[in-house]
Amino acid sequence: MGALLGIPVVRYVCSPLAAKSDDSAWADAGSVAAFSTIGTPMRRVLDLEQRDGWQETASQPVVYIVKAGGQLKALSAICPHLGCTVPWDAGRQEFVCPCHGGVFSPDGTRLSGPPPRSLDVLETKVVGDRLLVNYQYFRPDVPSRQAIS
């Protein structure tokens, strides 16, 4: 009798351990209209919440929204060399990594320095009038993009 009553309790306790993590990392970057006249990369902080079992994690990664060829695209602000946050240098009109001097063009293309590839482009979509970004982390210091989450 105890075993029969205990089965639902064990299933309840163990179900988060067997469930897949919630990898839905689409985050709102803002109104599409706000990006219609941008000439230089625009910094945005995303609000992400991920659930894995019982653990909920909130993070606020930085992305840059750029207009390239009439299309909006989102660039990860994480340097593909060692993972430093790469700021936009308005004076130089380039992204410059403060850690090891990697330099990237306004569209994220690698220009010089030790990074093995350009800034990582993130998937975007427009829902209604909002630009959504699918945020991912990529393996650092490898020549090709390899998503790790």
Foldseek 3Di string as FASTA:
>chain_A
DVVVVCVVVVCVQCVLVPDAKPLQFKWWQFFLVVVQPDDFWDKGWTWGWIDRRPDIDIDTFIWTWDQDPNDIWIFGQFQQAPGAGWDQDPVVQWTFGPPWTFIAHRVQATDDTDFLGTTDIFDWDADDRTIITSDFDFHHRDNDTDTPD
